Amino acid sequence: MQGLTLQKLLAFAAIMLMPWAALRPLETSFSFGDILLVAAVALNVGQIKRLYGWQVLMLCSLPLILISLIMDPEGSIIEFVQSLYIFGFVLPFGWVAFIGIRPRHLVTALLLAQSLSAMCAVAQILGFVDQIGRQSIWMVYGATRSAGLGLSCSALCMSLSSMFPLLLYVKGHRLRLAIFVALILGMVATLAKSIVLAVPGIAWYLIREPKRRGVITMGCLTVGLLMAVVLALSPLRNKVIDVSSSFLERVERVNNSVYERSSTIEYALSYIPRTYLFGMGYAGTSDELTAHLGNTVHVFHIGVILIGGIPAGLLHHCGAIALVLLALRANHKPAAALMIAHFLAVCTTTVLMLSFQYVPYVICAAIADYQLRLNAQTEQQQRTVQRRPVGGRRLSLGGDSALPAMQ
């Protein structure tokens, strides 16, 4: 059993508050979760033993992004500091706060926080909870697009979509079922069409769920029971009818939405020749695209290139791929699947200077580092035992004791 020190307490509080972007004291990117994250990293900085390859790639992209922001005539010092914090601290070093914490404990804390946010979204769409903090929610065809404790409905859907592979770390199928149902209901409450991007992650989890049949059966029964209770109550029944009508209306307009998105992407790609070395900056990209299209590009992968330039974008994406490979080398496939699910989820979101968008990077890096440290410690113990003669013979632990630290 791990002792709960001040540093670990700050780390757990940070990972639970980081996804709750609505609860931030200022309009800038610094939230309560960020305050705790900085403190937790500062107390754990002595645990850093090495720089991983993916960190080096991320750090190499930082100067290019910052120079692009400096060259942006529409830029401001606030955007510069935000970018420095996100791309120079959260991405390469945010995971340091969680060194020494078991993956199962870390993931469970994150999933419980996400589940609470999802339940707040359900309460919002049913009319029990109004707008929270500094988030944005709006009505669409008579129904509220909920944001839970997130920044917006789209941000909440993106944040929840990548969480499903992490359910394999949760101990106990009943808790996994409860979190699974909460995440599903939370995504539905956003009324976001991008919920379809969560399907691969959900399928990957269900295929590997040890009690797959029971989880699917109980999940369907639980959702059905909740719907029956809601429909039995007259005020809630009317609300469900409004939500259903809104959802069907949005489904009918999916062709228009796809056309608008594809047109925006096509137009955004026409700016790529301007970014061979440096990008247009954060404000410059937003202002330029908004002036012609009424909105900025809602594809994270393209946005990074437009903001920081092609070299910075390639370095960032290569660093992300290297992080996935590191998780696979550590034999933690759920952590790698988390990153891949996140890559899909951000295909419909802009580049945000808020740390909740980069939580999967932090979690994946922390899990991989924990396992690699455990492997190195086990190998050292094996070598120590093998060198120690007992009765004229050397002992060997035998087998592969460096198994994934899913606990």
Foldseek 3Di string as FASTA:
>chain_A
DDDCDPLNVLLLVLLLCQQLQLQAPDPAQDRPSNVSLVVSLVVQVVVDDDFDPLLVLLQVLLVLLLVLQVPAPPHDVSLSVLSCCQSVDCQRPSLSSQAPPFLLVSLVSNLVSLLQLLVQLLCVQLPNDDDGHQADWDDFQHTIQGRRSHRASLSSLLLLLLSLLSLVLYPDVVVSLSSVLSSVSSNLSNLDPLNVLSVVSNVVNLVPPPPNVVSVVVSVVVVVVVVVVQCVDVSSVVSVVSSVVRSVVVVVCVVVVVVLLVVQVVVLVVCQVVQQRFANADVRQAVVSCVPNVGHHQAALSQQCRSRGDSSSVSNVVSLVVLLVLLVVLVNNSLSSSSVSSNSSSRRHYDDSHSSSVSSSSSSNNQSVNLVVLQVVVVVVQVVQQVDDDPNHGDGPDDRPSDRSSD
